[in-house]
Amino acid sequence: MGSIALLLALLVAPCGSRPTGTAPSHFVFFARDHERMLDSTFLAHPRIAGAQLTYTWRELEPERDRYDFAPIRERLAILRRHGKALFLQISDVTFSERLPVPDYLLADSVFHGGAARKYEGDDGAFDGWVARRWDPAVRARFARLLGALAREFDGEIEGINLPETAIGFESTKYHPPGFTFDAYAEGVRETMAAARRAFDRSCVIVYANFMPGDGRQPNGRQFLRGIYEFAARIGVGVGGSDFLPFREGQQRNSLPLIASRGPDVIAGLAVQDGNLAEMDPTTNQPVTVDALYRYAVDRLRLDYIFWGSEEPYLSRDVLPYLDGLAR
């Protein structure tokens, strides 16, 4: 029996399914700026459930099969002392020359380089590095990391979210060795299944925003739609890394799939840097926290909102708005 078939056979109830009409939980997305979660304004805020922190594969596995989870344990202990939860974001991708994977993946030929340079658009603009998610050997190592994380933190953390599925590679002339659209989609599904097998109690969310190859499909977003259908089958939540309800790309891809998901599928979106500077075409003004919140509740039925820590928006707009919700 294959790994996905075995998962389906052993599936337990989806993590974190919430009653219809329940208000979303509010987290602050600090990304890699972990020191900012020590701010008393955040730690004392009654409407914020916790922090979402990003860790790279490279820092969590500095050497093969040697994991360093001490920074996670330290942050989790601080949050717990203040009655707050932790949502982990595990990253195998960068948007710079910085590599996201351990050195052993780069050195051992069985991993075919371990990571690939990624490119955006037909002009081939360099956009950072991504682990070879379509490569079974690399994927097996990432699944091993997820298993190690689950043994220590399953049920201790609120949840874990897998990296966004968007990586570029729409133009076939920039495909790295071994990459195909189908192989990539299968790789994403396999990683979702590995995370779901590993974490029985903590929530698992995949940031399924765009899929390479969908722009070339005559029948719409078949790869992305397949990810959402698979997530519903195995009890994985869905979401995305940018909350941009007025952009055509989001409206044609992830947002309608999030809105039409079944009642047992959790969902969360991140309000990231720049999102609150976006223009709202209905007002010709920057989008407001209230507009995002109402869209999240009324249109998308979100279970989690990960508010960005970008200033001045967090202090000036987000926290006062959440204070108002408490009254």
C-alpha atoms as a PDB file:
ATOM      1  CA  MET A   1       0.000   0.000   0.000  1.00  0.00           C
ATOM      2  CA  GLY A   2       1.409   3.438  -0.951  1.00  0.00           C
ATOM      3  CA  SER A   3       1.989   6.156   1.621  1.00  0.00           C
ATOM      4  CA  ILE A   4      -1.039   8.200   0.562  1.00  0.00           C
ATOM      5  CA  ALA A   5      -3.320   5.154   0.471  1.00  0.00           C
ATOM      6  CA  LEU A   6      -2.105   4.116   3.911  1.00  0.00           C
ATOM      7  CA  LEU A   7      -2.802   7.590   5.266  1.00  0.00           C
ATOM      8  CA  LEU A   8      -6.347   7.509   3.946  1.00  0.00           C
ATOM      9  CA  ALA A   9      -6.901   4.093   5.482  1.00  0.00           C
ATOM     10  CA  LEU A  10      -5.728   5.261   8.916  1.00  0.00           C
ATOM     11  CA  LEU A  11      -7.191   8.758   8.818  1.00  0.00           C
ATOM     12  CA  VAL A  12      -8.487  10.263  12.036  1.00  0.00           C
ATOM     13  CA  ALA A  13     -10.839  13.223  12.364  1.00  0.00           C
ATOM     14  CA  PRO A  14      -9.449  16.442  10.858  1.00  0.00           C
ATOM     15  CA  CYS A  15      -7.528  18.580  13.316  1.00  0.00           C
ATOM     16  CA  GLY A  16      -9.053  21.758  14.565  1.00  0.00           C
ATOM     17  CA  SER A  17     -12.439  21.647  12.836  1.00  0.00           C
ATOM     18  CA  ARG A  18     -14.483  24.427  14.402  1.00  0.00           C
ATOM     19  CA  PRO A  19     -18.225  24.937  14.798  1.00  0.00           C
ATOM     20  CA  THR A  20     -19.875  26.971  12.059  1.00  0.00           C
ATOM     21  CA  GLY A  21     -19.938  30.659  12.935  1.00  0.00           C
ATOM     22  CA  THR A  22     -16.967  30.526  15.299  1.00  0.00           C
ATOM     23  CA  ALA A  23     -14.826  33.659  15.153  1.00  0.00           C
ATOM     24  CA  PRO A  24     -11.294  33.135  13.807  1.00  0.00           C
ATOM     25  CA  SER A  25      -8.301  32.861  16.115  1.00  0.00           C
ATOM     26  CA  HIS A  26      -5.874  35.768  15.809  1.00  0.00           C
ATOM     27  CA  PHE A  27      -2.119  35.166  15.659  1.00  0.00           C
ATOM     28  CA  VAL A  28       0.694  37.601  14.938  1.00  0.00           C
ATOM     29  CA  PHE A  29       3.050  36.500  12.171  1.00  0.00           C
ATOM     30  CA  PHE A  30       6.553  37.461  13.286  1.00  0.00           C
ATOM     31  CA  ALA A  31       8.237  35.432  10.522  1.00  0.00           C
ATOM     32  CA  ARG A  32      11.933  35.164  11.461  1.00  0.00           C
ATOM     33  CA  ASP A  33      11.916  38.261  13.696  1.00  0.00           C
ATOM     34  CA  HIS A  34      11.361  36.119  16.788  1.00  0.00           C
ATOM     35  CA  GLU A  35      12.581  38.693  19.287  1.00  0.00           C
ATOM     36  CA  ARG A  36       9.553  40.868  18.583  1.00  0.00           C
ATOM     37  CA  MET A  37       7.247  38.340  20.223  1.00  0.00           C
ATOM     38  CA  LEU A  38       8.804  39.383  23.536  1.00  0.00           C
ATOM     39  CA  ASP A  39       7.001  42.725  23.277  1.00  0.00           C
ATOM     40  CA  SER A  40       4.632  43.126  26.209  1.00  0.00           C
ATOM     41  CA  THR A  41       1.990  44.675  23.945  1.00  0.00           C
ATOM     42  CA  PHE A  42       1.728  41.360  22.131  1.00  0.00           C
ATOM     43  CA  LEU A  43       2.130  39.071  25.128  1.00  0.00           C
ATOM     44  CA  ALA A  44      -0.527  40.884  27.166  1.00  0.00           C
ATOM     45  CA  HIS A  45      -3.111  41.320  24.419  1.00  0.00           C
ATOM     46  CA  PRO A  46      -6.229  39.304  25.299  1.00  0.00           C
ATOM     47  CA  ARG A  47      -7.482  38.874  21.724  1.00  0.00           C
ATOM     48  CA  ILE A  48      -4.258  37.452  20.297  1.00  0.00           C
ATOM     49  CA  ALA A  49      -4.087  33.685  20.611  1.00  0.00           C
ATOM     50  CA  GLY A  50      -0.411  33.356  19.839  1.00  0.00           C
ATOM     51  CA  ALA A  51       2.546  33.796  17.516  1.00  0.00           C
ATOM     52  CA  GLN A  52       3.388  32.338  14.136  1.00  0.00           C
ATOM     53  CA  LEU A  53       7.166  31.910  13.771  1.00  0.00           C
ATOM     54  CA  THR A  54       9.196  30.826  10.745  1.00  0.00           C
ATOM     55  CA  TYR A  55      12.103  28.380  10.913  1.00  0.00           C
ATOM     56  CA  THR A  56      14.117  27.182   7.935  1.00  0.00           C
ATOM     57  CA  TRP A  57      14.909  23.561   7.272  1.00  0.00           C
ATOM     58  CA  ARG A  58      18.593  24.496   7.293  1.00  0.00           C
ATOM     59  CA  GLU A  59      18.548  25.838  10.850  1.00  0.00           C
ATOM     60  CA  LEU A  60      16.419  23.004  12.239  1.00  0.00           C
ATOM     61  CA  GLU A  61      18.683  20.277  10.816  1.00  0.00           C
ATOM     62  CA  PRO A  62      22.218  21.697  10.896  1.00  0.00           C
ATOM     63  CA  GLU A  63      23.660  18.223  10.255  1.00  0.00           C
ATOM     64  CA  ARG A  64      22.100  15.068   8.866  1.00  0.00           C
ATOM     65  CA  ASP A  65      19.783  13.546  11.486  1.00  0.00           C
ATOM     66  CA  ARG A  66      20.878  16.068  14.104  1.00  0.00           C
ATOM     67  CA  TYR A  67      18.003  18.390  14.861  1.00  0.00           C
ATOM     68  CA  ASP A  68      18.164  21.629  16.796  1.00  0.00           C
ATOM     69  CA  PHE A  69      14.744  22.385  18.252  1.00  0.00           C
ATOM     70  CA  ALA A  70      16.021  24.335  21.272  1.00  0.00           C
ATOM     71  CA  PRO A  71      14.928  27.730  19.842  1.00  0.00           C
ATOM     72  CA  ILE A  72      11.412  26.391  19.323  1.00  0.00           C
ATOM     73  CA  ARG A  73      11.264  25.021  22.870  1.00  0.00           C
ATOM     74  CA  GLU A  74      12.413  28.364  24.270  1.00  0.00           C
ATOM     75  CA  ARG A  75       9.823  30.370  22.354  1.00  0.00           C
ATOM     76  CA  LEU A  76       7.071  27.904  23.172  1.00  0.00           C
ATOM     77  CA  ALA A  77       7.865  28.141  26.898  1.00  0.00           C
ATOM     78  CA  ILE A  78       7.640  31.942  26.806  1.00  0.00           C
ATOM     79  CA  LEU A  79       4.334  31.876  24.963  1.00  0.00           C
ATOM     80  CA  ARG A  80       2.861  29.338  27.358  1.00  0.00           C
ATOM     81  CA  ARG A  81       3.792  31.433  30.365  1.00  0.00           C
ATOM     82  CA  HIS A  82       1.655  34.187  28.871  1.00  0.00           C
ATOM     83  CA  GLY A  83      -1.228  31.926  27.903  1.00  0.00           C
ATOM     84  CA  LYS A  84      -0.459  31.988  24.192  1.00  0.00           C
ATOM     85  CA  ALA A  85       0.017  29.343  21.522  1.00  0.00           C
ATOM     86  CA  LEU A  86       2.619  28.712  18.831  1.00  0.00           C
ATOM     87  CA  PHE A  87       2.072  28.113  15.132  1.00  0.00           C
ATOM     88  CA  LEU A  88       5.185  26.920  13.300  1.00  0.00           C
ATOM     89  CA  GLN A  89       5.941  27.815   9.706  1.00  0.00           C
ATOM     90  CA  ILE A  90       8.598  25.542   8.228  1.00  0.00           C
ATOM     91  CA  SER A  91      10.395  27.038   5.236  1.00  0.00           C
ATOM     92  CA  ASP A  92      12.324  25.256   2.501  1.00  0.00           C
ATOM     93  CA  VAL A  93      12.439  28.280   0.237  1.00  0.00           C
ATOM     94  CA  THR A  94      14.143  31.675   0.121  1.00  0.00           C
ATOM     95  CA  PHE A  95      13.764  34.809  -1.969  1.00  0.00           C
ATOM     96  CA  SER A  96      17.472  35.646  -2.042  1.00  0.00           C
ATOM     97  CA  GLU A  97      20.820  33.930  -2.598  1.00  0.00           C
ATOM     98  CA  ARG A  98      20.529  32.440   0.899  1.00  0.00           C
ATOM     99  CA  LEU A  99      20.081  28.651   0.780  1.00  0.00           C
ATOM    100  CA  PRO A 100      17.194  27.105   2.760  1.00  0.00           C
ATOM    101  CA  VAL A 101      18.363  23.472   2.991  1.00  0.00           C
ATOM    102  CA  PRO A 102      21.042  21.667   5.022  1.00  0.00           C
ATOM    103  CA  ASP A 103      24.528  21.358   3.577  1.00  0.00           C
ATOM    104  CA  TYR A 104      24.388  17.571   3.326  1.00  0.00           C
ATOM    105  CA  LEU A 105      21.629  17.871   0.720  1.00  0.00           C
ATOM    106  CA  LEU A 106      23.939  20.011  -1.380  1.00  0.00           C
ATOM    107  CA  ALA A 107      26.939  17.695  -1.028  1.00  0.00           C
ATOM    108  CA  ASP A 108      25.437  14.219  -1.561  1.00  0.00           C
ATOM    109  CA  SER A 109      24.729  13.401  -5.196  1.00  0.00           C
ATOM    110  CA  VAL A 110      21.707  11.277  -4.264  1.00  0.00           C
ATOM    111  CA  PHE A 111      19.837  14.564  -3.669  1.00  0.00           C
ATOM    112  CA  HIS A 112      20.737  16.011  -7.103  1.00  0.00           C
ATOM    113  CA  GLY A 113      21.859  19.306  -5.610  1.00  0.00           C
ATOM    114  CA  GLY A 114      19.208  19.447  -2.871  1.00  0.00           C
ATOM    115  CA  ALA A 115      17.827  22.811  -3.961  1.00  0.00           C
ATOM    116  CA  ALA A 116      17.173  24.630  -7.216  1.00  0.00           C
ATOM    117  CA  ARG A 117      17.314  28.235  -8.293  1.00  0.00           C
ATOM    118  CA  LYS A 118      13.813  29.442  -9.031  1.00  0.00           C
ATOM    119  CA  TYR A 119      12.687  31.887 -11.664  1.00  0.00           C
ATOM    120  CA  GLU A 120       9.617  34.035 -12.145  1.00  0.00           C
ATOM    121  CA  GLY A 121       7.951  34.862 -15.450  1.00  0.00           C
ATOM    122  CA  ASP A 122       9.017  34.258 -18.999  1.00  0.00           C
ATOM    123  CA  ASP A 123      12.007  36.577 -18.590  1.00  0.00           C
ATOM    124  CA  GLY A 124      13.547  34.223 -16.045  1.00  0.00           C
ATOM    125  CA  ALA A 125      14.049  36.684 -13.191  1.00  0.00           C
ATOM    126  CA  PHE A 126      15.937  34.975 -10.357  1.00  0.00           C
ATOM    127  CA  ASP A 127      13.733  34.683  -7.269  1.00  0.00           C
ATOM    128  CA  GLY A 128      15.730  32.668  -4.751  1.00  0.00           C
ATOM    129  CA  TRP A 129      16.089  28.979  -3.921  1.00  0.00           C
ATOM    130  CA  VAL A 130      13.664  26.163  -3.226  1.00  0.00           C
ATOM    131  CA  ALA A 131      14.220  22.605  -2.014  1.00  0.00           C
ATOM    132  CA  ARG A 132      13.710  20.015  -4.742  1.00  0.00           C
ATOM    133  CA  ARG A 133      10.196  19.145  -3.579  1.00  0.00           C
ATOM    134  CA  TRP A 134       9.596  17.049  -6.697  1.00  0.00           C
ATOM    135  CA  ASP A 135      12.619  14.850  -5.887  1.00  0.00           C
ATOM    136  CA  PRO A 136      11.648  11.774  -3.792  1.00  0.00           C
ATOM    137  CA  ALA A 137      15.037  11.636  -2.071  1.00  0.00           C
ATOM    138  CA  VAL A 138      14.826  15.251  -0.913  1.00  0.00           C
ATOM    139  CA  ARG A 139      11.167  14.892  -0.003  1.00  0.00           C
ATOM    140  CA  ALA A 140      11.923  11.877   2.187  1.00  0.00           C
ATOM    141  CA  ARG A 141      14.379  13.939   4.206  1.00  0.00           C
ATOM    142  CA  PHE A 142      11.844  16.732   4.675  1.00  0.00           C
ATOM    143  CA  ALA A 143       9.284  14.154   5.835  1.00  0.00           C
ATOM    144  CA  ARG A 144      11.852  12.914   8.334  1.00  0.00           C
ATOM    145  CA  LEU A 145      12.166  16.449   9.698  1.00  0.00           C
ATOM    146  CA  LEU A 146       8.387  16.691  10.036  1.00  0.00           C
ATOM    147  CA  GLY A 147       8.356  13.401  11.929  1.00  0.00           C
ATOM    148  CA  ALA A 148      11.027  14.620  14.334  1.00  0.00           C
ATOM    149  CA  LEU A 149       9.111  17.839  14.937  1.00  0.00           C
ATOM    150  CA  ALA A 150       5.908  15.924  15.596  1.00  0.00           C
ATOM    151  CA  ARG A 151       7.540  13.588  18.119  1.00  0.00           C
ATOM    152  CA  GLU A 152       8.494  16.605  20.188  1.00  0.00           C
ATOM    153  CA  PHE A 153       5.720  19.104  19.556  1.00  0.00           C
ATOM    154  CA  ASP A 154       2.546  17.353  18.349  1.00  0.00           C
ATOM    155  CA  GLY A 155      -0.219  18.498  20.653  1.00  0.00           C
ATOM    156  CA  GLU A 156       2.115  21.045  22.247  1.00  0.00           C
ATOM    157  CA  ILE A 157       1.861  23.581  19.448  1.00  0.00           C
ATOM    158  CA  GLU A 158      -1.312  24.935  17.869  1.00  0.00           C
ATOM    159  CA  GLY A 159      -0.262  23.920  14.415  1.00  0.00           C
ATOM    160  CA  ILE A 160       2.280  23.770  11.655  1.00  0.00           C
ATOM    161  CA  ASN A 161       1.984  25.241   8.203  1.00  0.00           C
ATOM    162  CA  LEU A 162       3.784  23.946   5.155  1.00  0.00           C
ATOM    163  CA  PRO A 163       5.442  26.402   2.755  1.00  0.00           C
ATOM    164  CA  GLU A 164       3.492  28.095  -0.006  1.00  0.00           C
ATOM    165  CA  THR A 165       3.055  26.028  -3.146  1.00  0.00           C
ATOM    166  CA  ALA A 166       3.872  28.932  -5.494  1.00  0.00           C
ATOM    167  CA  ILE A 167       7.481  28.665  -6.706  1.00  0.00           C
ATOM    168  CA  GLY A 168       7.465  30.064 -10.244  1.00  0.00           C
ATOM    169  CA  PHE A 169       8.761  27.676 -12.964  1.00  0.00           C
ATOM    170  CA  GLU A 170       5.782  28.520 -15.170  1.00  0.00           C
ATOM    171  CA  SER A 171       8.091  28.724 -18.167  1.00  0.00           C
ATOM    172  CA  THR A 172       9.344  25.259 -19.123  1.00  0.00           C
ATOM    173  CA  LYS A 173      12.688  26.605 -20.336  1.00  0.00           C
ATOM    174  CA  TYR A 174      13.700  27.342 -16.750  1.00  0.00           C
ATOM    175  CA  HIS A 175      12.731  23.961 -15.296  1.00  0.00           C
ATOM    176  CA  PRO A 176      15.503  22.361 -13.206  1.00  0.00           C
ATOM    177  CA  PRO A 177      16.487  18.717 -13.850  1.00  0.00           C
ATOM    178  CA  GLY A 178      13.717  16.267 -13.001  1.00  0.00           C
ATOM    179  CA  PHE A 179      11.029  18.923 -12.640  1.00  0.00           C
ATOM    180  CA  THR A 180       7.633  18.489 -14.271  1.00  0.00           C
ATOM    181  CA  PHE A 181       4.327  20.044 -13.321  1.00  0.00           C
ATOM    182  CA  ASP A 182       2.873  16.641 -12.467  1.00  0.00           C
ATOM    183  CA  ALA A 183       5.899  15.587 -10.427  1.00  0.00           C
ATOM    184  CA  TYR A 184       5.737  18.817  -8.479  1.00  0.00           C
ATOM    185  CA  ALA A 185       2.029  18.388  -7.696  1.00  0.00           C
ATOM    186  CA  GLU A 186       2.649  14.822  -6.567  1.00  0.00           C
ATOM    187  CA  GLY A 187       5.490  16.041  -4.374  1.00  0.00           C
ATOM    188  CA  VAL A 188       3.261  18.607  -2.668  1.00  0.00           C
ATOM    189  CA  ARG A 189       0.628  15.941  -1.991  1.00  0.00           C
ATOM    190  CA  GLU A 190       3.216  13.535  -0.588  1.00  0.00           C
ATOM    191  CA  THR A 191       4.531  16.196   1.790  1.00  0.00           C
ATOM    192  CA  MET A 192       1.000  17.024   2.914  1.00  0.00           C
ATOM    193  CA  ALA A 193       0.438  13.331   3.606  1.00  0.00           C
ATOM    194  CA  ALA A 194       3.709  13.092   5.542  1.00  0.00           C
ATOM    195  CA  ALA A 195       2.763  16.058   7.709  1.00  0.00           C
ATOM    196  CA  ARG A 196      -0.692  14.628   8.352  1.00  0.00           C
ATOM    197  CA  ARG A 197       0.750  11.247   9.333  1.00  0.00           C
ATOM    198  CA  ALA A 198       3.186  12.916  11.706  1.00  0.00           C
ATOM    199  CA  PHE A 199       0.827  15.350  13.450  1.00  0.00           C
ATOM    200  CA  ASP A 200      -2.254  13.747  14.994  1.00  0.00           C
ATOM    201  CA  ARG A 201      -3.247  16.590  17.332  1.00  0.00           C
ATOM    202  CA  SER A 202      -1.692  19.832  16.141  1.00  0.00           C
ATOM    203  CA  CYS A 203      -3.239  21.404  13.042  1.00  0.00           C
ATOM    204  CA  VAL A 204      -1.584  21.111   9.643  1.00  0.00           C
ATOM    205  CA  ILE A 205      -2.150  23.820   7.038  1.00  0.00           C
ATOM    206  CA  VAL A 206      -0.699  23.944   3.542  1.00  0.00           C
ATOM    207  CA  TYR A 207      -0.243  27.388   2.034  1.00  0.00           C
ATOM    208  CA  ALA A 208      -1.792  26.471  -1.319  1.00  0.00           C
ATOM    209  CA  ASN A 209      -1.899  29.751  -3.226  1.00  0.00           C
ATOM    210  CA  PHE A 210      -0.701  29.023  -6.776  1.00  0.00           C
ATOM    211  CA  MET A 211       0.621  25.957  -8.575  1.00  0.00           C
ATOM    212  CA  PRO A 212       3.148  25.953 -11.411  1.00  0.00           C
ATOM    213  CA  GLY A 213       1.594  24.730 -14.622  1.00  0.00           C
ATOM    214  CA  ASP A 214      -1.902  25.979 -13.907  1.00  0.00           C
ATOM    215  CA  GLY A 215      -1.444  28.951 -16.215  1.00  0.00           C
ATOM    216  CA  ARG A 216      -0.997  26.509 -19.079  1.00  0.00           C
ATOM    217  CA  GLN A 217      -4.102  24.418 -18.375  1.00  0.00           C
ATOM    218  CA  PRO A 218      -7.111  24.824 -20.691  1.00  0.00           C
ATOM    219  CA  ASN A 219      -9.530  23.702 -17.972  1.00  0.00           C
ATOM    220  CA  GLY A 220      -8.618  26.130 -15.225  1.00  0.00           C
ATOM    221  CA  ARG A 221      -6.569  25.589 -12.079  1.00  0.00           C
ATOM    222  CA  GLN A 222      -6.456  21.812 -12.109  1.00  0.00           C
ATOM    223  CA  PHE A 223      -3.233  21.416 -10.111  1.00  0.00           C
ATOM    224  CA  LEU A 224      -4.311  23.822  -7.367  1.00  0.00           C
ATOM    225  CA  ARG A 225      -7.812  22.376  -7.306  1.00  0.00           C
ATOM    226  CA  GLY A 226      -6.280  18.933  -6.892  1.00  0.00           C
ATOM    227  CA  ILE A 227      -4.313  20.115  -3.849  1.00  0.00           C
ATOM    228  CA  TYR A 228      -7.499  21.421  -2.225  1.00  0.00           C
ATOM    229  CA  GLU A 229      -9.387  18.218  -2.968  1.00  0.00           C
ATOM    230  CA  PHE A 230      -6.564  16.152  -1.502  1.00  0.00           C
ATOM    231  CA  ALA A 231      -6.372  18.376   1.587  1.00  0.00           C
ATOM    232  CA  ALA A 232     -10.073  17.777   2.240  1.00  0.00           C
ATOM    233  CA  ARG A 233      -9.621  14.001   1.884  1.00  0.00           C
ATOM    234  CA  ILE A 234      -6.792  13.711   4.409  1.00  0.00           C
ATOM    235  CA  GLY A 235      -7.742  16.386   6.921  1.00  0.00           C
ATOM    236  CA  VAL A 236      -5.158  19.050   6.098  1.00  0.00           C
ATOM    237  CA  GLY A 237      -6.087  22.707   6.338  1.00  0.00           C
ATOM    238  CA  VAL A 238      -5.621  25.226   3.532  1.00  0.00           C
ATOM    239  CA  GLY A 239      -4.638  28.847   3.227  1.00  0.00           C
ATOM    240  CA  GLY A 240      -2.101  31.230   1.842  1.00  0.00           C
ATOM    241  CA  SER A 241       0.791  33.521   2.530  1.00  0.00           C
ATOM    242  CA  ASP A 242      -0.833  36.814   1.470  1.00  0.00           C
ATOM    243  CA  PHE A 243      -4.313  38.122   2.266  1.00  0.00           C
ATOM    244  CA  LEU A 244      -5.006  40.128  -0.908  1.00  0.00           C
ATOM    245  CA  PRO A 245      -8.735  39.834  -1.668  1.00  0.00           C
ATOM    246  CA  PHE A 246      -8.760  42.475  -4.396  1.00  0.00           C
ATOM    247  CA  ARG A 247      -6.013  41.026  -6.579  1.00  0.00           C
ATOM    248  CA  GLU A 248      -7.099  39.171  -9.694  1.00  0.00           C
ATOM    249  CA  GLY A 249      -4.541  36.415  -9.162  1.00  0.00           C
ATOM    250  CA  GLN A 250      -5.901  35.527  -5.731  1.00  0.00           C
ATOM    251  CA  GLN A 251      -9.490  35.848  -6.926  1.00  0.00           C
ATOM    252  CA  ARG A 252      -8.854  33.357  -9.734  1.00  0.00           C
ATOM    253  CA  ASN A 253      -6.825  30.895  -7.663  1.00  0.00           C
ATOM    254  CA  SER A 254      -6.889  30.267  -3.910  1.00  0.00           C
ATOM    255  CA  LEU A 255      -9.672  32.523  -2.613  1.00  0.00           C
ATOM    256  CA  PRO A 256     -12.633  30.773  -4.308  1.00  0.00           C
ATOM    257  CA  LEU A 257     -11.227  27.391  -3.305  1.00  0.00           C
ATOM    258  CA  ILE A 258     -10.924  28.510   0.320  1.00  0.00           C
ATOM    259  CA  ALA A 259     -14.452  29.924   0.255  1.00  0.00           C
ATOM    260  CA  SER A 260     -15.948  26.736  -1.184  1.00  0.00           C
ATOM    261  CA  ARG A 261     -14.146  24.268   1.065  1.00  0.00           C
ATOM    262  CA  GLY A 262     -16.141  21.844   3.191  1.00  0.00           C
ATOM    263  CA  PRO A 263     -17.122  22.620   6.791  1.00  0.00           C
ATOM    264  CA  ASP A 264     -14.498  20.257   8.242  1.00  0.00           C
ATOM    265  CA  VAL A 265     -11.526  21.838   6.464  1.00  0.00           C
ATOM    266  CA  ILE A 266      -9.749  24.521   8.495  1.00  0.00           C
ATOM    267  CA  ALA A 267      -8.290  27.578   6.769  1.00  0.00           C
ATOM    268  CA  GLY A 268      -5.939  30.405   7.620  1.00  0.00           C
ATOM    269  CA  LEU A 269      -4.471  33.370   5.766  1.00  0.00           C
ATOM    270  CA  ALA A 270      -1.501  35.567   6.574  1.00  0.00           C
ATOM    271  CA  VAL A 271      -1.598  39.358   6.374  1.00  0.00           C
ATOM    272  CA  GLN A 272       1.983  39.934   5.323  1.00  0.00           C
ATOM    273  CA  ASP A 273       4.184  42.947   4.672  1.00  0.00           C
ATOM    274  CA  GLY A 274       2.560  45.253   2.169  1.00  0.00           C
ATOM    275  CA  ASN A 275      -0.907  43.725   2.393  1.00  0.00           C
ATOM    276  CA  LEU A 276      -2.359  46.640   4.377  1.00  0.00           C
ATOM    277  CA  ALA A 277      -0.930  49.087   1.852  1.00  0.00           C
ATOM    278  CA  GLU A 278      -2.966  47.496  -0.957  1.00  0.00           C
ATOM    279  CA  MET A 279      -5.661  49.668  -2.501  1.00  0.00           C
ATOM    280  CA  ASP A 280      -9.310  48.758  -2.011  1.00  0.00           C
ATOM    281  CA  PRO A 281     -11.002  49.444  -5.378  1.00  0.00           C
ATOM    282  CA  THR A 282     -14.344  50.004  -3.683  1.00  0.00           C
ATOM    283  CA  THR A 283     -12.975  52.983  -1.719  1.00  0.00           C
ATOM    284  CA  ASN A 284      -9.834  53.981  -3.664  1.00  0.00           C
ATOM    285  CA  GLN A 285      -8.104  53.960  -0.288  1.00  0.00           C
ATOM    286  CA  PRO A 286      -5.706  51.497   1.339  1.00  0.00           C
ATOM    287  CA  VAL A 287      -7.482  48.377   2.520  1.00  0.00           C
ATOM    288  CA  THR A 288      -8.592  48.519   6.155  1.00  0.00           C
ATOM    289  CA  VAL A 289      -8.268  45.942   8.898  1.00  0.00           C
ATOM    290  CA  ASP A 290     -12.055  45.902   9.148  1.00  0.00           C
ATOM    291  CA  ALA A 291     -12.407  45.123   5.424  1.00  0.00           C
ATOM    292  CA  LEU A 292      -9.981  42.203   5.709  1.00  0.00           C
ATOM    293  CA  TYR A 293     -11.635  40.904   8.845  1.00  0.00           C
ATOM    294  CA  ARG A 294     -15.137  41.061   7.350  1.00  0.00           C
ATOM    295  CA  TYR A 295     -13.950  39.323   4.209  1.00  0.00           C
ATOM    296  CA  ALA A 296     -12.241  36.676   6.325  1.00  0.00           C
ATOM    297  CA  VAL A 297     -15.388  36.016   8.356  1.00  0.00           C
ATOM    298  CA  ASP A 298     -18.209  36.569   5.876  1.00  0.00           C
ATOM    299  CA  ARG A 299     -16.688  35.281   2.649  1.00  0.00           C
ATOM    300  CA  LEU A 300     -13.964  32.841   3.652  1.00  0.00           C
ATOM    301  CA  ARG A 301     -15.039  31.533   7.078  1.00  0.00           C
ATOM    302  CA  LEU A 302     -11.403  31.566   8.199  1.00  0.00           C
ATOM    303  CA  ASP A 303     -10.343  29.708  11.306  1.00  0.00           C
ATOM    304  CA  TYR A 304      -7.044  31.568  11.648  1.00  0.00           C
ATOM    305  CA  ILE A 305      -5.831  35.025  10.718  1.00  0.00           C
ATOM    306  CA  PHE A 306      -2.078  35.546  10.957  1.00  0.00           C
ATOM    307  CA  TRP A 307      -1.687  39.317  11.228  1.00  0.00           C
ATOM    308  CA  GLY A 308       1.648  40.654  10.036  1.00  0.00           C
ATOM    309  CA  SER A 309       3.979  42.479  12.389  1.00  0.00           C
ATOM    310  CA  GLU A 310       4.745  45.247   9.884  1.00  0.00           C
ATOM    311  CA  GLU A 311       4.669  48.711  11.416  1.00  0.00           C
ATOM    312  CA  PRO A 312       2.968  51.081  11.703  1.00  0.00           C
ATOM    313  CA  TYR A 313       0.063  48.790  10.786  1.00  0.00           C
ATOM    314  CA  LEU A 314       0.284  46.347  13.701  1.00  0.00           C
ATOM    315  CA  SER A 315       0.350  48.978  16.464  1.00  0.00           C
ATOM    316  CA  ARG A 316      -1.751  51.637  14.753  1.00  0.00           C
ATOM    317  CA  ASP A 317      -4.426  49.546  13.044  1.00  0.00           C
ATOM    318  CA  VAL A 318      -4.488  45.844  13.923  1.00  0.00           C
ATOM    319  CA  LEU A 319      -4.177  45.848  17.712  1.00  0.00           C
ATOM    320  CA  PRO A 320      -6.726  48.659  18.275  1.00  0.00           C
ATOM    321  CA  TYR A 321      -9.159  46.875  15.961  1.00  0.00           C
ATOM    322  CA  LEU A 322      -8.779  43.634  17.912  1.00  0.00           C
ATOM    323  CA  ASP A 323      -9.335  45.617  21.119  1.00  0.00           C
ATOM    324  CA  GLY A 324     -12.630  46.779  19.650  1.00  0.00           C
ATOM    325  CA  LEU A 325     -13.692  43.203  18.892  1.00  0.00           C
ATOM    326  CA  ALA A 326     -13.322  42.400  22.575  1.00  0.00           C
ATOM    327  CA  ARG A 327     -15.915  44.984  23.590  1.00  0.00           C
END
